[in-house]
Amino acid sequence: MVDPVTFSAGAQGDWEIGPMVAVIGGGLPPARRLSMFESPATSHGQTWQLRGVISNARYATATELKQLAAVSPPLGRPEATLAALIPIRKSETWWSMGQDERRAIFED
């Protein structure tokens, strides 16, 4: 089961956006704040939105999933003040690569 999620950036939002660095491609337009919705969200003056699904588990081994579950506290807690968002557009080229090739990109 994959859950839909929307990251919405603009002048308002739950989190402050720090430095944004594009590795490949033009990158996203600058924005000050970011919110995450665990369902499709509509655009109301946001600078940009990223829509996708929570499916990071497909890139982890069973051992890694157990290790992550043991140390991963939930989002939304007061001490959670920093995060990294790595948007990746998954094209036909992406899906034509082997799982080991896709994982190597994340590990780099």
PDB file of N, CA and C in Angstrom:
ATOM      1  N   MET A   1       0.848  -1.184   0.000  1.00  0.00           N
ATOM      2  CA  MET A   1       0.000   0.000   0.000  1.00  0.00           C
ATOM      3  C   MET A   1       0.890   1.242   0.000  1.00  0.00           C
ATOM      4  N   VAL A   2       0.629   2.164  -0.888  1.00  0.00           N
ATOM      5  CA  VAL A   2       1.372   3.423  -0.926  1.00  0.00           C
ATOM      6  C   VAL A   2       0.432   4.553  -0.551  1.00  0.00           C
ATOM      7  N   ASP A   3       0.927   5.462   0.251  1.00  0.00           N
ATOM      8  CA  ASP A   3       0.121   6.573   0.724  1.00  0.00           C
ATOM      9  C   ASP A   3       0.460   7.838  -0.051  1.00  0.00           C
ATOM     10  N   PRO A   4      -0.550   8.557  -0.579  1.00  0.00           N
ATOM     11  CA  PRO A   4      -0.254   9.796  -1.287  1.00  0.00           C
ATOM     12  C   PRO A   4       0.226  10.867  -0.313  1.00  0.00           C
ATOM     13  N   VAL A   5       1.156  11.687  -0.771  1.00  0.00           N
ATOM     14  CA  VAL A   5       1.678  12.782   0.037  1.00  0.00           C
ATOM     15  C   VAL A   5       1.956  13.977  -0.874  1.00  0.00           C
ATOM     16  N   THR A   6       1.758  15.178  -0.338  1.00  0.00           N
ATOM     17  CA  THR A   6       2.041  16.406  -1.068  1.00  0.00           C
ATOM     18  C   THR A   6       2.920  17.299  -0.203  1.00  0.00           C
ATOM     19  N   PHE A   7       4.039  17.742  -0.757  1.00  0.00           N
ATOM     20  CA  PHE A   7       4.862  18.763  -0.125  1.00  0.00           C
ATOM     21  C   PHE A   7       4.536  20.059  -0.836  1.00  0.00           C
ATOM     22  N   SER A   8       4.134  21.059  -0.069  1.00  0.00           N
ATOM     23  CA  SER A   8       3.677  22.325  -0.626  1.00  0.00           C
ATOM     24  C   SER A   8       4.530  23.454  -0.061  1.00  0.00           C
ATOM     25  N   ALA A   9       5.155  24.234  -0.933  1.00  0.00           N
ATOM     26  CA  ALA A   9       6.072  25.294  -0.511  1.00  0.00           C
ATOM     27  C   ALA A   9       5.564  26.662  -0.947  1.00  0.00           C
ATOM     28  N   GLY A  10       5.836  27.650  -0.117  1.00  0.00           N
ATOM     29  CA  GLY A  10       5.451  29.028  -0.420  1.00  0.00           C
ATOM     30  C   GLY A  10       5.824  29.941   0.729  1.00  0.00           C
ATOM     31  N   ALA A  11       5.033  30.975   0.957  1.00  0.00           N
ATOM     32  CA  ALA A  11       5.288  31.929   2.033  1.00  0.00           C
ATOM     33  C   ALA A  11       4.846  31.397   3.389  1.00  0.00           C
ATOM     34  N   GLN A  12       3.903  30.457   3.412  1.00  0.00           N
ATOM     35  CA  GLN A  12       3.369  29.886   4.651  1.00  0.00           C
ATOM     36  C   GLN A  12       3.695  28.404   4.698  1.00  0.00           C
ATOM     37  N   GLY A  13       3.789  27.852   5.904  1.00  0.00           N
ATOM     38  CA  GLY A  13       4.003  26.420   6.041  1.00  0.00           C
ATOM     39  C   GLY A  13       4.553  26.070   7.403  1.00  0.00           C
ATOM     40  N   ASP A  14       4.560  24.789   7.700  1.00  0.00           N
ATOM     41  CA  ASP A  14       4.983  24.285   9.001  1.00  0.00           C
ATOM     42  C   ASP A  14       6.488  24.403   9.229  1.00  0.00           C
ATOM     43  N   TRP A  15       7.273  24.269   8.160  1.00  0.00           N
ATOM     44  CA  TRP A  15       8.722  24.250   8.294  1.00  0.00           C
ATOM     45  C   TRP A  15       9.359  25.373   7.490  1.00  0.00           C
ATOM     46  N   GLU A  16      10.463  25.889   8.002  1.00  0.00           N
ATOM     47  CA  GLU A  16      11.269  26.865   7.276  1.00  0.00           C
ATOM     48  C   GLU A  16      12.166  26.120   6.295  1.00  0.00           C
ATOM     49  N   ILE A  17      12.309  26.667   5.095  1.00  0.00           N
ATOM     50  CA  ILE A  17      13.176  26.065   4.086  1.00  0.00           C
ATOM     51  C   ILE A  17      14.537  26.740   4.158  1.00  0.00           C
ATOM     52  N   GLY A  18      15.570  25.935   4.285  1.00  0.00           N
ATOM     53  CA  GLY A  18      16.944  26.433   4.297  1.00  0.00           C
ATOM     54  C   GLY A  18      17.510  26.425   2.893  1.00  0.00           C
ATOM     55  N   PRO A  19      18.811  26.259   2.787  1.00  0.00           N
ATOM     56  CA  PRO A  19      19.446  26.255   1.462  1.00  0.00           C
ATOM     57  C   PRO A  19      18.891  25.159   0.556  1.00  0.00           C
ATOM     58  N   MET A  20      18.699  25.507  -0.701  1.00  0.00           N
ATOM     59  CA  MET A  20      18.242  24.544  -1.700  1.00  0.00           C
ATOM     60  C   MET A  20      19.342  24.433  -2.756  1.00  0.00           C
ATOM     61  N   VAL A  21      19.762  23.205  -3.027  1.00  0.00           N
ATOM     62  CA  VAL A  21      20.841  22.971  -3.975  1.00  0.00           C
ATOM     63  C   VAL A  21      20.370  21.962  -5.017  1.00  0.00           C
ATOM     64  N   ALA A  22      20.398  22.348  -6.278  1.00  0.00           N
ATOM     65  CA  ALA A  22      20.044  21.423  -7.354  1.00  0.00           C
ATOM     66  C   ALA A  22      21.284  20.623  -7.737  1.00  0.00           C
ATOM     67  N   VAL A  23      21.159  19.305  -7.779  1.00  0.00           N
ATOM     68  CA  VAL A  23      22.266  18.441  -8.161  1.00  0.00           C
ATOM     69  C   VAL A  23      22.251  18.224  -9.673  1.00  0.00           C
ATOM     70  N   ILE A  24      21.073  17.943 -10.197  1.00  0.00           N
ATOM     71  CA  ILE A  24      20.893  17.762 -11.639  1.00  0.00           C
ATOM     72  C   ILE A  24      19.624  18.501 -12.026  1.00  0.00           C
ATOM     73  N   GLY A  25      19.670  19.243 -13.113  1.00  0.00           N
ATOM     74  CA  GLY A  25      18.492  19.968 -13.568  1.00  0.00           C
ATOM     75  C   GLY A  25      18.432  21.363 -12.975  1.00  0.00           C
ATOM     76  N   GLY A  26      17.341  22.069 -13.277  1.00  0.00           N
ATOM     77  CA  GLY A  26      17.211  23.464 -12.895  1.00  0.00           C
ATOM     78  C   GLY A  26      16.852  23.711 -11.449  1.00  0.00           C
ATOM     79  N   GLY A  27      16.381  22.715 -10.738  1.00  0.00           N
ATOM     80  CA  GLY A  27      16.004  22.910  -9.352  1.00  0.00           C
ATOM     81  C   GLY A  27      14.622  23.524  -9.215  1.00  0.00           C
ATOM     82  N   LEU A  28      14.209  23.710  -7.981  1.00  0.00           N
ATOM     83  CA  LEU A  28      12.892  24.274  -7.672  1.00  0.00           C
ATOM     84  C   LEU A  28      13.013  25.769  -7.419  1.00  0.00           C
ATOM     85  N   PRO A  29      11.955  26.543  -7.698  1.00  0.00           N
ATOM     86  CA  PRO A  29      11.987  27.973  -7.385  1.00  0.00           C
ATOM     87  C   PRO A  29      12.131  28.182  -5.877  1.00  0.00           C
ATOM     88  N   PRO A  30      12.772  29.261  -5.458  1.00  0.00           N
ATOM     89  CA  PRO A  30      12.927  29.511  -4.022  1.00  0.00           C
ATOM     90  C   PRO A  30      11.577  29.682  -3.330  1.00  0.00           C
ATOM     91  N   ALA A  31      11.508  29.220  -2.102  1.00  0.00           N
ATOM     92  CA  ALA A  31      10.318  29.368  -1.261  1.00  0.00           C
ATOM     93  C   ALA A  31      10.796  29.471   0.186  1.00  0.00           C
ATOM     94  N   ARG A  32       9.974  30.047   1.051  1.00  0.00           N
ATOM     95  CA  ARG A  32      10.361  30.256   2.454  1.00  0.00           C
ATOM     96  C   ARG A  32       9.906  29.142   3.390  1.00  0.00           C
ATOM     97  N   ARG A  33       8.721  28.569   3.144  1.00  0.00           N
ATOM     98  CA  ARG A  33       8.125  27.619   4.089  1.00  0.00           C
ATOM     99  C   ARG A  33       7.625  26.382   3.352  1.00  0.00           C
ATOM    100  N   LEU A  34       7.431  25.278   4.097  1.00  0.00           N
ATOM    101  CA  LEU A  34       7.008  24.006   3.510  1.00  0.00           C
ATOM    102  C   LEU A  34       6.031  23.306   4.444  1.00  0.00           C
ATOM    103  N   SER A  35       5.004  22.705   3.882  1.00  0.00           N
ATOM    104  CA  SER A  35       4.071  21.858   4.628  1.00  0.00           C
ATOM    105  C   SER A  35       3.952  20.522   3.915  1.00  0.00           C
ATOM    106  N   MET A  36       3.590  19.488   4.666  1.00  0.00           N
ATOM    107  CA  MET A  36       3.383  18.160   4.111  1.00  0.00           C
ATOM    108  C   MET A  36       1.965  17.719   4.430  1.00  0.00           C
ATOM    109  N   PHE A  37       1.287  17.183   3.425  1.00  0.00           N
ATOM    110  CA  PHE A  37      -0.070  16.677   3.579  1.00  0.00           C
ATOM    111  C   PHE A  37      -0.072  15.218   3.155  1.00  0.00           C
ATOM    112  N   GLU A  38      -0.662  14.353   3.967  1.00  0.00           N
ATOM    113  CA  GLU A  38      -0.708  12.933   3.629  1.00  0.00           C
ATOM    114  C   GLU A  38      -1.940  12.614   2.802  1.00  0.00           C
ATOM    115  N   SER A  39      -2.208  13.473   1.858  1.00  0.00           N
ATOM    116  CA  SER A  39      -3.282  13.276   0.887  1.00  0.00           C
ATOM    117  C   SER A  39      -3.044  14.309  -0.203  1.00  0.00           C
ATOM    118  N   PRO A  40      -3.689  14.167  -1.335  1.00  0.00           N
ATOM    119  CA  PRO A  40      -3.534  15.198  -2.360  1.00  0.00           C
ATOM    120  C   PRO A  40      -3.986  16.557  -1.820  1.00  0.00           C
ATOM    121  N   ALA A  41      -3.220  17.592  -2.102  1.00  0.00           N
ATOM    122  CA  ALA A  41      -3.558  18.950  -1.664  1.00  0.00           C
ATOM    123  C   ALA A  41      -3.751  19.832  -2.884  1.00  0.00           C
ATOM    124  N   THR A  42      -4.592  20.821  -2.746  1.00  0.00           N
ATOM    125  CA  THR A  42      -4.802  21.750  -3.842  1.00  0.00           C
ATOM    126  C   THR A  42      -3.896  22.959  -3.652  1.00  0.00           C
ATOM    127  N   SER A  43      -3.543  23.599  -4.731  1.00  0.00           N
ATOM    128  CA  SER A  43      -2.646  24.741  -4.696  1.00  0.00           C
ATOM    129  C   SER A  43      -3.415  26.026  -4.396  1.00  0.00           C
ATOM    130  N   HIS A  44      -2.977  26.728  -3.344  1.00  0.00           N
ATOM    131  CA  HIS A  44      -3.559  28.020  -2.991  1.00  0.00           C
ATOM    132  C   HIS A  44      -2.437  29.017  -2.793  1.00  0.00           C
ATOM    133  N   GLY A  45      -1.831  29.469  -3.867  1.00  0.00           N
ATOM    134  CA  GLY A  45      -0.776  30.463  -3.782  1.00  0.00           C
ATOM    135  C   GLY A  45       0.591  29.900  -3.442  1.00  0.00           C
ATOM    136  N   GLN A  46       0.781  28.589  -3.480  1.00  0.00           N
ATOM    137  CA  GLN A  46       2.084  28.022  -3.207  1.00  0.00           C
ATOM    138  C   GLN A  46       3.024  28.273  -4.376  1.00  0.00           C
ATOM    139  N   THR A  47       4.314  28.325  -4.071  1.00  0.00           N
ATOM    140  CA  THR A  47       5.334  28.485  -5.101  1.00  0.00           C
ATOM    141  C   THR A  47       5.487  27.208  -5.908  1.00  0.00           C
ATOM    142  N   TRP A  48       5.468  26.068  -5.209  1.00  0.00           N
ATOM    143  CA  TRP A  48       5.530  24.774  -5.886  1.00  0.00           C
ATOM    144  C   TRP A  48       4.937  23.691  -4.989  1.00  0.00           C
ATOM    145  N   GLN A  49       4.545  22.585  -5.634  1.00  0.00           N
ATOM    146  CA  GLN A  49       4.059  21.402  -4.932  1.00  0.00           C
ATOM    147  C   GLN A  49       4.726  20.173  -5.526  1.00  0.00           C
ATOM    148  N   LEU A  50       5.072  19.241  -4.660  1.00  0.00           N
ATOM    149  CA  LEU A  50       5.583  17.946  -5.088  1.00  0.00           C
ATOM    150  C   LEU A  50       4.588  16.902  -4.619  1.00  0.00           C
ATOM    151  N   ARG A  51       4.102  16.110  -5.548  1.00  0.00           N
ATOM    152  CA  ARG A  51       3.137  15.070  -5.203  1.00  0.00           C
ATOM    153  C   ARG A  51       3.740  13.717  -5.497  1.00  0.00           C
ATOM    154  N   GLY A  52       3.499  12.795  -4.605  1.00  0.00           N
ATOM    155  CA  GLY A  52       4.030  11.454  -4.799  1.00  0.00           C
ATOM    156  C   GLY A  52       3.447  10.507  -3.781  1.00  0.00           C
ATOM    157  N   VAL A  53       4.193   9.460  -3.502  1.00  0.00           N
ATOM    158  CA  VAL A  53       3.768   8.467  -2.533  1.00  0.00           C
ATOM    159  C   VAL A  53       4.927   8.161  -1.591  1.00  0.00           C
ATOM    160  N   ILE A  54       4.568   7.754  -0.383  1.00  0.00           N
ATOM    161  CA  ILE A  54       5.573   7.320   0.580  1.00  0.00           C
ATOM    162  C   ILE A  54       5.900   5.883   0.229  1.00  0.00           C
ATOM    163  N   SER A  55       7.099   5.670  -0.307  1.00  0.00           N
ATOM    164  CA  SER A  55       7.459   4.314  -0.721  1.00  0.00           C
ATOM    165  C   SER A  55       8.944   4.064  -0.534  1.00  0.00           C
ATOM    166  N   ASN A  56       9.553   4.750   0.427  1.00  0.00           N
ATOM    167  CA  ASN A  56      10.983   4.594   0.650  1.00  0.00           C
ATOM    168  C   ASN A  56      11.371   3.169   1.012  1.00  0.00           C
ATOM    169  N   ALA A  57      10.446   2.388   1.528  1.00  0.00           N
ATOM    170  CA  ALA A  57      10.767   1.022   1.941  1.00  0.00           C
ATOM    171  C   ALA A  57      11.239   0.160   0.768  1.00  0.00           C
ATOM    172  N   ARG A  58      10.854   0.484  -0.426  1.00  0.00           N
ATOM    173  CA  ARG A  58      11.281  -0.340  -1.555  1.00  0.00           C
ATOM    174  C   ARG A  58      12.769  -0.217  -1.837  1.00  0.00           C
ATOM    175  N   TYR A  59      13.441   0.768  -1.243  1.00  0.00           N
ATOM    176  CA  TYR A  59      14.875   0.943  -1.450  1.00  0.00           C
ATOM    177  C   TYR A  59      15.701   0.418  -0.284  1.00  0.00           C
ATOM    178  N   ALA A  60      15.066  -0.191   0.707  1.00  0.00           N
ATOM    179  CA  ALA A  60      15.766  -0.674   1.895  1.00  0.00           C
ATOM    180  C   ALA A  60      15.692  -2.195   1.987  1.00  0.00           C
ATOM    181  N   THR A  61      16.737  -2.764   2.586  1.00  0.00           N
ATOM    182  CA  THR A  61      16.729  -4.207   2.844  1.00  0.00           C
ATOM    183  C   THR A  61      15.917  -4.466   4.108  1.00  0.00           C
ATOM    184  N   ALA A  62      15.591  -5.725   4.358  1.00  0.00           N
ATOM    185  CA  ALA A  62      14.824  -6.079   5.559  1.00  0.00           C
ATOM    186  C   ALA A  62      15.578  -5.667   6.820  1.00  0.00           C
ATOM    187  N   THR A  63      16.877  -5.879   6.852  1.00  0.00           N
ATOM    188  CA  THR A  63      17.689  -5.491   8.011  1.00  0.00           C
ATOM    189  C   THR A  63      17.656  -3.982   8.209  1.00  0.00           C
ATOM    190  N   GLU A  64      17.778  -3.234   7.131  1.00  0.00           N
ATOM    191  CA  GLU A  64      17.737  -1.769   7.223  1.00  0.00           C
ATOM    192  C   GLU A  64      16.377  -1.290   7.724  1.00  0.00           C
ATOM    193  N   LEU A  65      15.287  -1.918   7.274  1.00  0.00           N
ATOM    194  CA  LEU A  65      13.959  -1.529   7.739  1.00  0.00           C
ATOM    195  C   LEU A  65      13.809  -1.751   9.240  1.00  0.00           C
ATOM    196  N   LYS A  66      14.325  -2.858   9.754  1.00  0.00           N
ATOM    197  CA  LYS A  66      14.269  -3.118  11.196  1.00  0.00           C
ATOM    198  C   LYS A  66      15.075  -2.080  11.962  1.00  0.00           C
ATOM    199  N   GLN A  67      16.253  -1.741  11.463  1.00  0.00           N
ATOM    200  CA  GLN A  67      17.100  -0.741  12.117  1.00  0.00           C
ATOM    201  C   GLN A  67      16.427   0.628  12.121  1.00  0.00           C
ATOM    202  N   LEU A  68      15.824   0.996  11.009  1.00  0.00           N
ATOM    203  CA  LEU A  68      15.127   2.285  10.916  1.00  0.00           C
ATOM    204  C   LEU A  68      13.941   2.351  11.867  1.00  0.00           C
ATOM    205  N   ALA A  69      13.162   1.279  11.925  1.00  0.00           N
ATOM    206  CA  ALA A  69      11.986   1.250  12.797  1.00  0.00           C
ATOM    207  C   ALA A  69      12.375   1.403  14.268  1.00  0.00           C
ATOM    208  N   ALA A  70      13.539   0.886  14.632  1.00  0.00           N
ATOM    209  CA  ALA A  70      13.979   0.942  16.025  1.00  0.00           C
ATOM    210  C   ALA A  70      14.418   2.341  16.454  1.00  0.00           C
ATOM    211  N   VAL A  71      14.819   3.185  15.496  1.00  0.00           N
ATOM    212  CA  VAL A  71      15.371   4.507  15.861  1.00  0.00           C
ATOM    213  C   VAL A  71      14.615   5.685  15.255  1.00  0.00           C
ATOM    214  N   SER A  72      13.543   5.438  14.519  1.00  0.00           N
ATOM    215  CA  SER A  72      12.850   6.514  13.817  1.00  0.00           C
ATOM    216  C   SER A  72      11.638   7.013  14.594  1.00  0.00           C
ATOM    217  N   PRO A  73      11.762   8.173  15.252  1.00  0.00           N
ATOM    218  CA  PRO A  73      10.594   8.754  15.921  1.00  0.00           C
ATOM    219  C   PRO A  73       9.657   9.378  14.889  1.00  0.00           C
ATOM    220  N   PRO A  74       8.415   9.641  15.257  1.00  0.00           N
ATOM    221  CA  PRO A  74       7.442  10.174  14.299  1.00  0.00           C
ATOM    222  C   PRO A  74       7.709  11.637  13.939  1.00  0.00           C
ATOM    223  N   LEU A  75       7.204  12.049  12.786  1.00  0.00           N
ATOM    224  CA  LEU A  75       7.231  13.466  12.410  1.00  0.00           C
ATOM    225  C   LEU A  75       6.288  14.236  13.322  1.00  0.00           C
ATOM    226  N   GLY A  76       6.458  15.540  13.376  1.00  0.00           N
ATOM    227  CA  GLY A  76       5.532  16.383  14.119  1.00  0.00           C
ATOM    228  C   GLY A  76       5.906  16.585  15.573  1.00  0.00           C
ATOM    229  N   ARG A  77       6.970  15.957  16.047  1.00  0.00           N
ATOM    230  CA  ARG A  77       7.379  16.159  17.430  1.00  0.00           C
ATOM    231  C   ARG A  77       8.129  17.492  17.540  1.00  0.00           C
ATOM    232  N   PRO A  78       8.063  18.169  18.685  1.00  0.00           N
ATOM    233  CA  PRO A  78       8.647  19.508  18.823  1.00  0.00           C
ATOM    234  C   PRO A  78      10.144  19.582  18.532  1.00  0.00           C
ATOM    235  N   GLU A  79      10.883  18.540  18.877  1.00  0.00           N
ATOM    236  CA  GLU A  79      12.335  18.587  18.673  1.00  0.00           C
ATOM    237  C   GLU A  79      12.755  18.332  17.227  1.00  0.00           C
ATOM    238  N   ALA A  80      11.805  17.984  16.348  1.00  0.00           N
ATOM    239  CA  ALA A  80      12.114  17.736  14.939  1.00  0.00           C
ATOM    240  C   ALA A  80      12.171  19.067  14.206  1.00  0.00           C
ATOM    241  N   THR A  81      13.357  19.647  14.141  1.00  0.00           N
ATOM    242  CA  THR A  81      13.493  20.983  13.559  1.00  0.00           C
ATOM    243  C   THR A  81      14.211  20.994  12.218  1.00  0.00           C
ATOM    244  N   LEU A  82      14.820  19.888  11.813  1.00  0.00           N
ATOM    245  CA  LEU A  82      15.547  19.831  10.550  1.00  0.00           C
ATOM    246  C   LEU A  82      15.118  18.605   9.752  1.00  0.00           C
ATOM    247  N   ALA A  83      15.110  18.739   8.450  1.00  0.00           N
ATOM    248  CA  ALA A  83      14.799  17.615   7.576  1.00  0.00           C
ATOM    249  C   ALA A  83      15.455  17.857   6.224  1.00  0.00           C
ATOM    250  N   ALA A  84      15.555  16.827   5.440  1.00  0.00           N
ATOM    251  CA  ALA A  84      16.055  16.931   4.074  1.00  0.00           C
ATOM    252  C   ALA A  84      14.992  16.374   3.141  1.00  0.00           C
ATOM    253  N   LEU A  85      14.695  17.111   2.101  1.00  0.00           N
ATOM    254  CA  LEU A  85      13.748  16.676   1.078  1.00  0.00           C
ATOM    255  C   LEU A  85      14.537  16.534  -0.216  1.00  0.00           C
ATOM    256  N   ILE A  86      14.502  15.357  -0.791  1.00  0.00           N
ATOM    257  CA  ILE A  86      15.245  15.091  -2.016  1.00  0.00           C
ATOM    258  C   ILE A  86      14.241  14.715  -3.106  1.00  0.00           C
ATOM    259  N   PRO A  87      13.771  15.714  -3.870  1.00  0.00           N
ATOM    260  CA  PRO A  87      12.804  15.389  -4.928  1.00  0.00           C
ATOM    261  C   PRO A  87      13.505  14.744  -6.117  1.00  0.00           C
ATOM    262  N   ILE A  88      12.927  13.653  -6.573  1.00  0.00           N
ATOM    263  CA  ILE A  88      13.461  12.940  -7.730  1.00  0.00           C
ATOM    264  C   ILE A  88      12.303  12.641  -8.671  1.00  0.00           C
ATOM    265  N   ARG A  89      12.401  13.124  -9.888  1.00  0.00           N
ATOM    266  CA  ARG A  89      11.397  12.787 -10.904  1.00  0.00           C
ATOM    267  C   ARG A  89      11.797  11.440 -11.487  1.00  0.00           C
ATOM    268  N   LYS A  90      10.933  10.478 -11.351  1.00  0.00           N
ATOM    269  CA  LYS A  90      11.239   9.121 -11.777  1.00  0.00           C
ATOM    270  C   LYS A  90      10.667   8.878 -13.166  1.00  0.00           C
ATOM    271  N   SER A  91      11.551   8.936 -14.127  1.00  0.00           N
ATOM    272  CA  SER A  91      11.191   8.816 -15.537  1.00  0.00           C
ATOM    273  C   SER A  91      11.275   7.353 -15.980  1.00  0.00           C
ATOM    274  N   GLU A  92      10.974   7.140 -17.230  1.00  0.00           N
ATOM    275  CA  GLU A  92      11.110   5.801 -17.810  1.00  0.00           C
ATOM    276  C   GLU A  92      12.561   5.330 -17.689  1.00  0.00           C
ATOM    277  N   THR A  93      13.506   6.255 -17.851  1.00  0.00           N
ATOM    278  CA  THR A  93      14.926   5.918 -17.705  1.00  0.00           C
ATOM    279  C   THR A  93      15.216   5.412 -16.303  1.00  0.00           C
ATOM    280  N   TRP A  94      14.650   6.087 -15.289  1.00  0.00           N
ATOM    281  CA  TRP A  94      14.835   5.672 -13.897  1.00  0.00           C
ATOM    282  C   TRP A  94      14.368   4.238 -13.694  1.00  0.00           C
ATOM    283  N   TRP A  95      13.144   3.950 -14.142  1.00  0.00           N
ATOM    284  CA  TRP A  95      12.571   2.629 -13.919  1.00  0.00           C
ATOM    285  C   TRP A  95      13.231   1.557 -14.776  1.00  0.00           C
ATOM    286  N   SER A  96      13.922   1.936 -15.846  1.00  0.00           N
ATOM    287  CA  SER A  96      14.600   0.936 -16.669  1.00  0.00           C
ATOM    288  C   SER A  96      15.943   0.517 -16.065  1.00  0.00           C
ATOM    289  N   MET A  97      16.440   1.261 -15.070  1.00  0.00           N
ATOM    290  CA  MET A  97      17.676   0.881 -14.384  1.00  0.00           C
ATOM    291  C   MET A  97      17.389  -0.275 -13.433  1.00  0.00           C
ATOM    292  N   GLY A  98      18.423  -1.028 -13.117  1.00  0.00           N
ATOM    293  CA  GLY A  98      18.296  -2.089 -12.127  1.00  0.00           C
ATOM    294  C   GLY A  98      18.177  -1.495 -10.729  1.00  0.00           C
ATOM    295  N   GLN A  99      17.609  -2.279  -9.812  1.00  0.00           N
ATOM    296  CA  GLN A  99      17.453  -1.821  -8.428  1.00  0.00           C
ATOM    297  C   GLN A  99      18.798  -1.417  -7.830  1.00  0.00           C
ATOM    298  N   ASP A 100      19.869  -2.152  -8.133  1.00  0.00           N
ATOM    299  CA  ASP A 100      21.182  -1.813  -7.596  1.00  0.00           C
ATOM    300  C   ASP A 100      21.665  -0.462  -8.122  1.00  0.00           C
ATOM    301  N   GLU A 101      21.353  -0.141  -9.373  1.00  0.00           N
ATOM    302  CA  GLU A 101      21.740   1.153  -9.940  1.00  0.00           C
ATOM    303  C   GLU A 101      20.963   2.302  -9.286  1.00  0.00           C
ATOM    304  N   ARG A 102      19.650   2.102  -9.081  1.00  0.00           N
ATOM    305  CA  ARG A 102      18.840   3.143  -8.429  1.00  0.00           C
ATOM    306  C   ARG A 102      19.307   3.361  -6.994  1.00  0.00           C
ATOM    307  N   ARG A 103      19.563   2.286  -6.294  1.00  0.00           N
ATOM    308  CA  ARG A 103      20.027   2.410  -4.899  1.00  0.00           C
ATOM    309  C   ARG A 103      21.384   3.107  -4.836  1.00  0.00           C
ATOM    310  N   ALA A 104      22.259   2.835  -5.764  1.00  0.00           N
ATOM    311  CA  ALA A 104      23.583   3.473  -5.782  1.00  0.00           C
ATOM    312  C   ALA A 104      23.457   4.998  -5.879  1.00  0.00           C
ATOM    313  N   ILE A 105      22.457   5.478  -6.592  1.00  0.00           N
ATOM    314  CA  ILE A 105      22.232   6.932  -6.701  1.00  0.00           C
ATOM    315  C   ILE A 105      21.905   7.502  -5.330  1.00  0.00           C
ATOM    316  N   PHE A 106      21.052   6.841  -4.554  1.00  0.00           N
ATOM    317  CA  PHE A 106      20.718   7.311  -3.213  1.00  0.00           C
ATOM    318  C   PHE A 106      21.929   7.260  -2.292  1.00  0.00           C
ATOM    319  N   GLU A 107      22.712   6.212  -2.415  1.00  0.00           N
ATOM    320  CA  GLU A 107      23.868   6.049  -1.529  1.00  0.00           C
ATOM    321  C   GLU A 107      24.953   7.076  -1.814  1.00  0.00           C
ATOM    322  N   ASP A 108      25.084   7.508  -3.071  1.00  0.00           N
ATOM    323  CA  ASP A 108      26.065   8.557  -3.397  1.00  0.00           C
ATOM    324  C   ASP A 108      25.664   9.848  -2.740  1.00  0.00           C
TER     325      ASP A 108
END
